[in-house]
Amino acid sequence: NASASFDQFQEPVDKDASVPEKFVDIGKALV
């Protein structure tokens, strides 16, 4: 109210969502 600022970031629908399978192999390669 005072500063007329706002939070432009959305809340996550799911902040611990399942990891899509295509990224599992990428993660293993990164490790």
PDB file of all heavy atoms in Angstrom:
ATOM      1  N   ASN A   1       0.814  -1.206   0.000  1.00  0.00           N
ATOM      2  CA  ASN A   1       0.000   0.000   0.000  1.00  0.00           C
ATOM      3  C   ASN A   1       0.853   1.265   0.000  1.00  0.00           C
ATOM      4  O   ASN A   1       0.640   2.136  -0.796  1.00  0.00           O
ATOM      5  CB  ASN A   1      -0.975   0.000   1.174  1.00  0.00           C
ATOM      6  CG  ASN A   1      -0.280  -0.240   2.488  1.00  0.00           C
ATOM      7  OD1 ASN A   1       0.949  -0.240   2.557  1.00  0.00           O
ATOM      8  ND2 ASN A   1      -1.062  -0.453   3.539  1.00  0.00           N
ATOM      9  N   ALA A   2       1.814   1.399   0.872  1.00  0.00           N
ATOM     10  CA  ALA A   2       2.572   2.643   0.986  1.00  0.00           C
ATOM     11  C   ALA A   2       3.516   2.850  -0.188  1.00  0.00           C
ATOM     12  O   ALA A   2       3.634   3.948  -0.719  1.00  0.00           O
ATOM     13  CB  ALA A   2       3.351   2.668   2.291  1.00  0.00           C
ATOM     14  N   SER A   3       4.196   1.804  -0.590  1.00  0.00           N
ATOM     15  CA  SER A   3       5.205   1.975  -1.637  1.00  0.00           C
ATOM     16  C   SER A   3       4.665   1.669  -3.026  1.00  0.00           C
ATOM     17  O   SER A   3       5.362   1.811  -4.015  1.00  0.00           O
ATOM     18  CB  SER A   3       6.407   1.080  -1.352  1.00  0.00           C
ATOM     19  OG  SER A   3       6.014  -0.288  -1.414  1.00  0.00           O
ATOM     20  N   ALA A   4       3.416   1.216  -3.087  1.00  0.00           N
ATOM     21  CA  ALA A   4       2.789   0.859  -4.370  1.00  0.00           C
ATOM     22  C   ALA A   4       3.599  -0.188  -5.114  1.00  0.00           C
ATOM     23  O   ALA A   4       3.604  -0.256  -6.324  1.00  0.00           O
ATOM     24  CB  ALA A   4       2.566   2.099  -5.242  1.00  0.00           C
ATOM     25  N   SER A   5       4.307  -1.016  -4.348  1.00  0.00           N
ATOM     26  CA  SER A   5       5.055  -2.110  -4.969  1.00  0.00           C
ATOM     27  C   SER A   5       4.197  -3.358  -4.962  1.00  0.00           C
ATOM     28  O   SER A   5       3.202  -3.444  -4.253  1.00  0.00           O
ATOM     29  CB  SER A   5       6.358  -2.355  -4.213  1.00  0.00           C
ATOM     30  OG  SER A   5       6.084  -2.767  -2.904  1.00  0.00           O
ATOM     31  N   PHE A   6       4.576  -4.319  -5.766  1.00  0.00           N
ATOM     32  CA  PHE A   6       3.817  -5.558  -5.794  1.00  0.00           C
ATOM     33  C   PHE A   6       4.766  -6.722  -6.005  1.00  0.00           C
ATOM     34  O   PHE A   6       5.870  -6.574  -6.502  1.00  0.00           O
ATOM     35  CB  PHE A   6       2.741  -5.522  -6.868  1.00  0.00           C
ATOM     36  CG  PHE A   6       3.287  -5.354  -8.254  1.00  0.00           C
ATOM     37  CD1 PHE A   6       3.530  -6.452  -9.051  1.00  0.00           C
ATOM     38  CD2 PHE A   6       3.552  -4.087  -8.760  1.00  0.00           C
ATOM     39  CE1 PHE A   6       4.042  -6.290 -10.326  1.00  0.00           C
ATOM     40  CE2 PHE A   6       4.058  -3.919 -10.039  1.00  0.00           C
ATOM     41  CZ  PHE A   6       4.308  -5.037 -10.824  1.00  0.00           C
ATOM     42  N   ASP A   7       4.290  -7.909  -5.619  1.00  0.00           N
ATOM     43  CA  ASP A   7       5.043  -9.139  -5.792  1.00  0.00           C
ATOM     44  C   ASP A   7       4.626  -9.736  -7.126  1.00  0.00           C
ATOM     45  O   ASP A   7       3.509 -10.222  -7.275  1.00  0.00           O
ATOM     46  CB  ASP A   7       4.738 -10.098  -4.638  1.00  0.00           C
ATOM     47  CG  ASP A   7       5.547 -11.371  -4.703  1.00  0.00           C
ATOM     48  OD1 ASP A   7       6.288 -11.566  -5.686  1.00  0.00           O
ATOM     49  OD2 ASP A   7       5.435 -12.175  -3.766  1.00  0.00           O
ATOM     50  N   GLN A   8       5.507  -9.683  -8.104  1.00  0.00           N
ATOM     51  CA  GLN A   8       5.155 -10.118  -9.447  1.00  0.00           C
ATOM     52  C   GLN A   8       5.341 -11.616  -9.665  1.00  0.00           C
ATOM     53  O   GLN A   8       5.015 -12.133 -10.719  1.00  0.00           O
ATOM     54  CB  GLN A   8       6.009  -9.370 -10.469  1.00  0.00           C
ATOM     55  CG  GLN A   8       7.484  -9.703 -10.363  1.00  0.00           C
ATOM     56  CD  GLN A   8       8.335  -8.788 -11.202  1.00  0.00           C
ATOM     57  OE1 GLN A   8       7.906  -7.717 -11.576  1.00  0.00           O
ATOM     58  NE2 GLN A   8       9.528  -9.203 -11.499  1.00  0.00           N
ATOM     59  N   PHE A   9       5.854 -12.326  -8.667  1.00  0.00           N
ATOM     60  CA  PHE A   9       6.172 -13.726  -8.844  1.00  0.00           C
ATOM     61  C   PHE A   9       5.006 -14.607  -8.420  1.00  0.00           C
ATOM     62  O   PHE A   9       4.407 -14.407  -7.376  1.00  0.00           O
ATOM     63  CB  PHE A   9       7.428 -14.091  -8.063  1.00  0.00           C
ATOM     64  CG  PHE A   9       8.606 -13.279  -8.512  1.00  0.00           C
ATOM     65  CD1 PHE A   9       9.077 -12.234  -7.753  1.00  0.00           C
ATOM     66  CD2 PHE A   9       9.208 -13.535  -9.729  1.00  0.00           C
ATOM     67  CE1 PHE A   9      10.148 -11.470  -8.179  1.00  0.00           C
ATOM     68  CE2 PHE A   9      10.269 -12.771 -10.171  1.00  0.00           C
ATOM     69  CZ  PHE A   9      10.744 -11.748  -9.391  1.00  0.00           C
ATOM     70  N   GLN A  10       4.729 -15.597  -9.228  1.00  0.00           N
ATOM     71  CA  GLN A  10       3.641 -16.512  -8.948  1.00  0.00           C
ATOM     72  C   GLN A  10       4.067 -17.548  -7.917  1.00  0.00           C
ATOM     73  O   GLN A  10       5.219 -17.973  -7.895  1.00  0.00           O
ATOM     74  CB  GLN A  10       3.227 -17.251 -10.212  1.00  0.00           C
ATOM     75  CG  GLN A  10       2.638 -16.384 -11.271  1.00  0.00           C
ATOM     76  CD  GLN A  10       2.288 -17.197 -12.495  1.00  0.00           C
ATOM     77  OE1 GLN A  10       2.758 -18.311 -12.673  1.00  0.00           O
ATOM     78  NE2 GLN A  10       1.451 -16.639 -13.342  1.00  0.00           N
ATOM     79  N   GLU A  11       3.108 -17.973  -7.125  1.00  0.00           N
ATOM     80  CA  GLU A  11       3.341 -19.101  -6.232  1.00  0.00           C
ATOM     81  C   GLU A  11       3.401 -20.361  -7.089  1.00  0.00           C
ATOM     82  O   GLU A  11       2.664 -20.489  -8.067  1.00  0.00           O
ATOM     83  CB  GLU A  11       2.198 -19.228  -5.224  1.00  0.00           C
ATOM     84  CG  GLU A  11       2.212 -18.147  -4.170  1.00  0.00           C
ATOM     85  CD  GLU A  11       3.427 -18.248  -3.260  1.00  0.00           C
ATOM     86  OE1 GLU A  11       3.770 -19.355  -2.832  1.00  0.00           O
ATOM     87  OE2 GLU A  11       4.029 -17.202  -2.996  1.00  0.00           O
ATOM     88  N   PRO A  12       4.262 -21.320  -6.739  1.00  0.00           N
ATOM     89  CA  PRO A  12       4.306 -22.555  -7.520  1.00  0.00           C
ATOM     90  C   PRO A  12       3.005 -23.342  -7.369  1.00  0.00           C
ATOM     91  O   PRO A  12       2.402 -23.347  -6.305  1.00  0.00           O
ATOM     92  CB  PRO A  12       5.470 -23.336  -6.919  1.00  0.00           C
ATOM     93  CG  PRO A  12       5.987 -22.553  -5.785  1.00  0.00           C
ATOM     94  CD  PRO A  12       5.241 -21.290  -5.671  1.00  0.00           C
ATOM     95  N   VAL A  13       2.587 -23.996  -8.446  1.00  0.00           N
ATOM     96  CA  VAL A  13       1.470 -24.921  -8.377  1.00  0.00           C
ATOM     97  C   VAL A  13       1.908 -26.109  -7.533  1.00  0.00           C
ATOM     98  O   VAL A  13       1.182 -26.602  -6.697  1.00  0.00           O
ATOM     99  CB  VAL A  13       1.063 -25.390  -9.793  1.00  0.00           C
ATOM    100  CG1 VAL A  13       0.047 -26.520  -9.713  1.00  0.00           C
ATOM    101  CG2 VAL A  13       0.509 -24.229 -10.591  1.00  0.00           C
ATOM    102  N   ASP A  14       3.132 -26.551  -7.755  1.00  0.00           N
ATOM    103  CA  ASP A  14       3.699 -27.676  -7.012  1.00  0.00           C
ATOM    104  C   ASP A  14       5.193 -27.430  -6.896  1.00  0.00           C
ATOM    105  O   ASP A  14       5.917 -27.525  -7.873  1.00  0.00           O
ATOM    106  CB  ASP A  14       3.415 -28.985  -7.742  1.00  0.00           C
ATOM    107  CG  ASP A  14       3.828 -30.215  -6.951  1.00  0.00           C
ATOM    108  OD1 ASP A  14       4.495 -30.061  -5.906  1.00  0.00           O
ATOM    109  OD2 ASP A  14       3.480 -31.319  -7.384  1.00  0.00           O
ATOM    110  N   LYS A  15       5.663 -27.079  -5.683  1.00  0.00           N
ATOM    111  CA  LYS A  15       7.078 -26.769  -5.527  1.00  0.00           C
ATOM    112  C   LYS A  15       7.935 -28.006  -5.333  1.00  0.00           C
ATOM    113  O   LYS A  15       9.144 -27.907  -5.233  1.00  0.00           O
ATOM    114  CB  LYS A  15       7.304 -25.760  -4.407  1.00  0.00           C
ATOM    115  CG  LYS A  15       6.859 -26.181  -3.048  1.00  0.00           C
ATOM    116  CD  LYS A  15       7.099 -25.058  -2.060  1.00  0.00           C
ATOM    117  CE  LYS A  15       6.522 -25.399  -0.706  1.00  0.00           C
ATOM    118  NZ  LYS A  15       6.691 -24.320   0.236  1.00  0.00           N
ATOM    119  N   ASP A  16       7.318 -29.187  -5.289  1.00  0.00           N
ATOM    120  CA  ASP A  16       8.067 -30.440  -5.263  1.00  0.00           C
ATOM    121  C   ASP A  16       7.414 -31.397  -6.251  1.00  0.00           C
ATOM    122  O   ASP A  16       7.017 -32.504  -5.900  1.00  0.00           O
ATOM    123  CB  ASP A  16       8.105 -31.033  -3.850  1.00  0.00           C
ATOM    124  CG  ASP A  16       9.126 -32.156  -3.715  1.00  0.00           C
ATOM    125  OD1 ASP A  16      10.014 -32.241  -4.586  1.00  0.00           O
ATOM    126  OD2 ASP A  16       9.028 -32.935  -2.764  1.00  0.00           O
ATOM    127  N   ALA A  17       7.301 -30.936  -7.487  1.00  0.00           N
ATOM    128  CA  ALA A  17       6.664 -31.719  -8.537  1.00  0.00           C
ATOM    129  C   ALA A  17       7.562 -32.890  -8.935  1.00  0.00           C
ATOM    130  O   ALA A  17       8.765 -32.886  -8.679  1.00  0.00           O
ATOM    131  CB  ALA A  17       6.402 -30.828  -9.749  1.00  0.00           C
ATOM    132  N   SER A  18       6.958 -33.862  -9.581  1.00  0.00           N
ATOM    133  CA  SER A  18       7.763 -34.978 -10.074  1.00  0.00           C
ATOM    134  C   SER A  18       8.649 -34.469 -11.210  1.00  0.00           C
ATOM    135  O   SER A  18       8.274 -33.582 -11.970  1.00  0.00           O
ATOM    136  CB  SER A  18       6.868 -36.117 -10.549  1.00  0.00           C
ATOM    137  OG  SER A  18       6.034 -35.679 -11.594  1.00  0.00           O
ATOM    138  N   VAL A  19       9.831 -35.025 -11.284  1.00  0.00           N
ATOM    139  CA  VAL A  19      10.802 -34.614 -12.294  1.00  0.00           C
ATOM    140  C   VAL A  19      10.505 -35.382 -13.578  1.00  0.00           C
ATOM    141  O   VAL A  19      10.447 -36.607 -13.561  1.00  0.00           O
ATOM    142  CB  VAL A  19      12.244 -34.902 -11.818  1.00  0.00           C
ATOM    143  CG1 VAL A  19      13.249 -34.543 -12.892  1.00  0.00           C
ATOM    144  CG2 VAL A  19      12.530 -34.153 -10.523  1.00  0.00           C
ATOM    145  N   PRO A  20      10.288 -34.677 -14.686  1.00  0.00           N
ATOM    146  CA  PRO A  20      10.062 -35.380 -15.954  1.00  0.00           C
ATOM    147  C   PRO A  20      11.227 -36.319 -16.266  1.00  0.00           C
ATOM    148  O   PRO A  20      12.401 -35.989 -16.055  1.00  0.00           O
ATOM    149  CB  PRO A  20       9.976 -34.249 -16.984  1.00  0.00           C
ATOM    150  CG  PRO A  20       9.535 -33.059 -16.187  1.00  0.00           C
ATOM    151  CD  PRO A  20      10.194 -33.221 -14.845  1.00  0.00           C
ATOM    152  N   GLU A  21      10.892 -37.492 -16.750  1.00  0.00           N
ATOM    153  CA  GLU A  21      11.884 -38.551 -16.984  1.00  0.00           C
ATOM    154  C   GLU A  21      13.046 -38.095 -17.865  1.00  0.00           C
ATOM    155  O   GLU A  21      14.185 -38.484 -17.647  1.00  0.00           O
ATOM    156  CB  GLU A  21      11.190 -39.764 -17.614  1.00  0.00           C
ATOM    157  CG  GLU A  21      12.062 -40.993 -17.708  1.00  0.00           C
ATOM    158  CD  GLU A  21      12.526 -41.513 -16.351  1.00  0.00           C
ATOM    159  OE1 GLU A  21      11.755 -41.449 -15.386  1.00  0.00           O
ATOM    160  OE2 GLU A  21      13.679 -41.981 -16.261  1.00  0.00           O
ATOM    161  N   LYS A  22      12.763 -37.216 -18.825  1.00  0.00           N
ATOM    162  CA  LYS A  22      13.833 -36.796 -19.733  1.00  0.00           C
ATOM    163  C   LYS A  22      14.949 -36.037 -19.010  1.00  0.00           C
ATOM    164  O   LYS A  22      16.060 -35.941 -19.518  1.00  0.00           O
ATOM    165  CB  LYS A  22      13.274 -35.964 -20.888  1.00  0.00           C
ATOM    166  CG  LYS A  22      12.683 -34.627 -20.495  1.00  0.00           C
ATOM    167  CD  LYS A  22      12.103 -33.926 -21.707  1.00  0.00           C
ATOM    168  CE  LYS A  22      11.471 -32.605 -21.354  1.00  0.00           C
ATOM    169  NZ  LYS A  22      10.932 -31.935 -22.543  1.00  0.00           N
ATOM    170  N   PHE A  23      14.663 -35.510 -17.806  1.00  0.00           N
ATOM    171  CA  PHE A  23      15.684 -34.767 -17.077  1.00  0.00           C
ATOM    172  C   PHE A  23      16.485 -35.638 -16.100  1.00  0.00           C
ATOM    173  O   PHE A  23      17.509 -35.199 -15.599  1.00  0.00           O
ATOM    174  CB  PHE A  23      15.056 -33.592 -16.334  1.00  0.00           C
ATOM    175  CG  PHE A  23      14.403 -32.610 -17.259  1.00  0.00           C
ATOM    176  CD1 PHE A  23      13.048 -32.369 -17.174  1.00  0.00           C
ATOM    177  CD2 PHE A  23      15.140 -31.950 -18.233  1.00  0.00           C
ATOM    178  CE1 PHE A  23      12.436 -31.474 -18.036  1.00  0.00           C
ATOM    179  CE2 PHE A  23      14.541 -31.055 -19.099  1.00  0.00           C
ATOM    180  CZ  PHE A  23      13.185 -30.813 -19.003  1.00  0.00           C
ATOM    181  N   VAL A  24      16.014 -36.848 -15.843  1.00  0.00           N
ATOM    182  CA  VAL A  24      16.723 -37.731 -14.912  1.00  0.00           C
ATOM    183  C   VAL A  24      18.099 -38.104 -15.476  1.00  0.00           C
ATOM    184  O   VAL A  24      19.107 -38.022 -14.770  1.00  0.00           O
ATOM    185  CB  VAL A  24      15.885 -38.982 -14.578  1.00  0.00           C
ATOM    186  CG1 VAL A  24      16.678 -39.962 -13.720  1.00  0.00           C
ATOM    187  CG2 VAL A  24      14.591 -38.575 -13.871  1.00  0.00           C
ATOM    188  N   ASP A  25      18.156 -38.502 -16.726  1.00  0.00           N
ATOM    189  CA  ASP A  25      19.443 -38.855 -17.340  1.00  0.00           C
ATOM    190  C   ASP A  25      20.374 -37.645 -17.409  1.00  0.00           C
ATOM    191  O   ASP A  25      21.580 -37.774 -17.226  1.00  0.00           O
ATOM    192  CB  ASP A  25      19.243 -39.448 -18.742  1.00  0.00           C
ATOM    193  CG  ASP A  25      18.657 -40.856 -18.696  1.00  0.00           C
ATOM    194  OD1 ASP A  25      18.819 -41.541 -17.656  1.00  0.00           O
ATOM    195  OD2 ASP A  25      18.032 -41.268 -19.687  1.00  0.00           O
ATOM    196  N   ILE A  26      19.808 -36.474 -17.666  1.00  0.00           N
ATOM    197  CA  ILE A  26      20.615 -35.251 -17.692  1.00  0.00           C
ATOM    198  C   ILE A  26      21.202 -35.003 -16.304  1.00  0.00           C
ATOM    199  O   ILE A  26      22.389 -34.685 -16.161  1.00  0.00           O
ATOM    200  CB  ILE A  26      19.784 -34.041 -18.164  1.00  0.00           C
ATOM    201  CG1 ILE A  26      19.369 -34.219 -19.629  1.00  0.00           C
ATOM    202  CG2 ILE A  26      20.551 -32.734 -17.974  1.00  0.00           C
ATOM    203  CD1 ILE A  26      18.343 -33.209 -20.112  1.00  0.00           C
ATOM    204  N   GLY A  27      20.396 -35.148 -15.269  1.00  0.00           N
ATOM    205  CA  GLY A  27      20.872 -34.964 -13.903  1.00  0.00           C
ATOM    206  C   GLY A  27      21.979 -35.938 -13.551  1.00  0.00           C
ATOM    207  O   GLY A  27      22.989 -35.554 -12.944  1.00  0.00           O
ATOM    208  N   LYS A  28      21.819 -37.189 -13.938  1.00  0.00           N
ATOM    209  CA  LYS A  28      22.857 -38.203 -13.663  1.00  0.00           C
ATOM    210  C   LYS A  28      24.158 -37.857 -14.396  1.00  0.00           C
ATOM    211  O   LYS A  28      25.242 -38.006 -13.842  1.00  0.00           O
ATOM    212  CB  LYS A  28      22.368 -39.591 -14.063  1.00  0.00           C
ATOM    213  CG  LYS A  28      21.296 -40.122 -13.133  1.00  0.00           C
ATOM    214  CD  LYS A  28      20.794 -41.478 -13.587  1.00  0.00           C
ATOM    215  CE  LYS A  28      19.719 -42.001 -12.654  1.00  0.00           C
ATOM    216  NZ  LYS A  28      19.176 -43.304 -13.096  1.00  0.00           N
ATOM    217  N   ALA A  29      24.043 -37.386 -15.625  1.00  0.00           N
ATOM    218  CA  ALA A  29      25.240 -36.995 -16.386  1.00  0.00           C
ATOM    219  C   ALA A  29      25.921 -35.786 -15.737  1.00  0.00           C
ATOM    220  O   ALA A  29      27.158 -35.720 -15.679  1.00  0.00           O
ATOM    221  CB  ALA A  29      24.862 -36.685 -17.836  1.00  0.00           C
ATOM    222  N   LEU A  30      25.134 -34.838 -15.223  1.00  0.00           N
ATOM    223  CA  LEU A  30      25.709 -33.676 -14.540  1.00  0.00           C
ATOM    224  C   LEU A  30      26.461 -34.095 -13.278  1.00  0.00           C
ATOM    225  O   LEU A  30      27.530 -33.557 -12.978  1.00  0.00           O
ATOM    226  CB  LEU A  30      24.623 -32.659 -14.207  1.00  0.00           C
ATOM    227  CG  LEU A  30      24.058 -31.875 -15.385  1.00  0.00           C
ATOM    228  CD1 LEU A  30      22.781 -31.155 -14.989  1.00  0.00           C
ATOM    229  CD2 LEU A  30      25.095 -30.895 -15.921  1.00  0.00           C
ATOM    230  N   VAL A  31      25.915 -35.057 -12.548  1.00  0.00           N
ATOM    231  CA  VAL A  31      26.595 -35.548 -11.343  1.00  0.00           C
ATOM    232  C   VAL A  31      27.894 -36.249 -11.723  1.00  0.00           C
ATOM    233  O   VAL A  31      28.921 -36.061 -11.065  1.00  0.00           O
ATOM    234  CB  VAL A  31      25.667 -36.462 -10.515  1.00  0.00           C
ATOM    235  CG1 VAL A  31      26.440 -37.181  -9.417  1.00  0.00           C
ATOM    236  CG2 VAL A  31      24.527 -35.640  -9.918  1.00  0.00           C
TER     237      VAL A  31
END
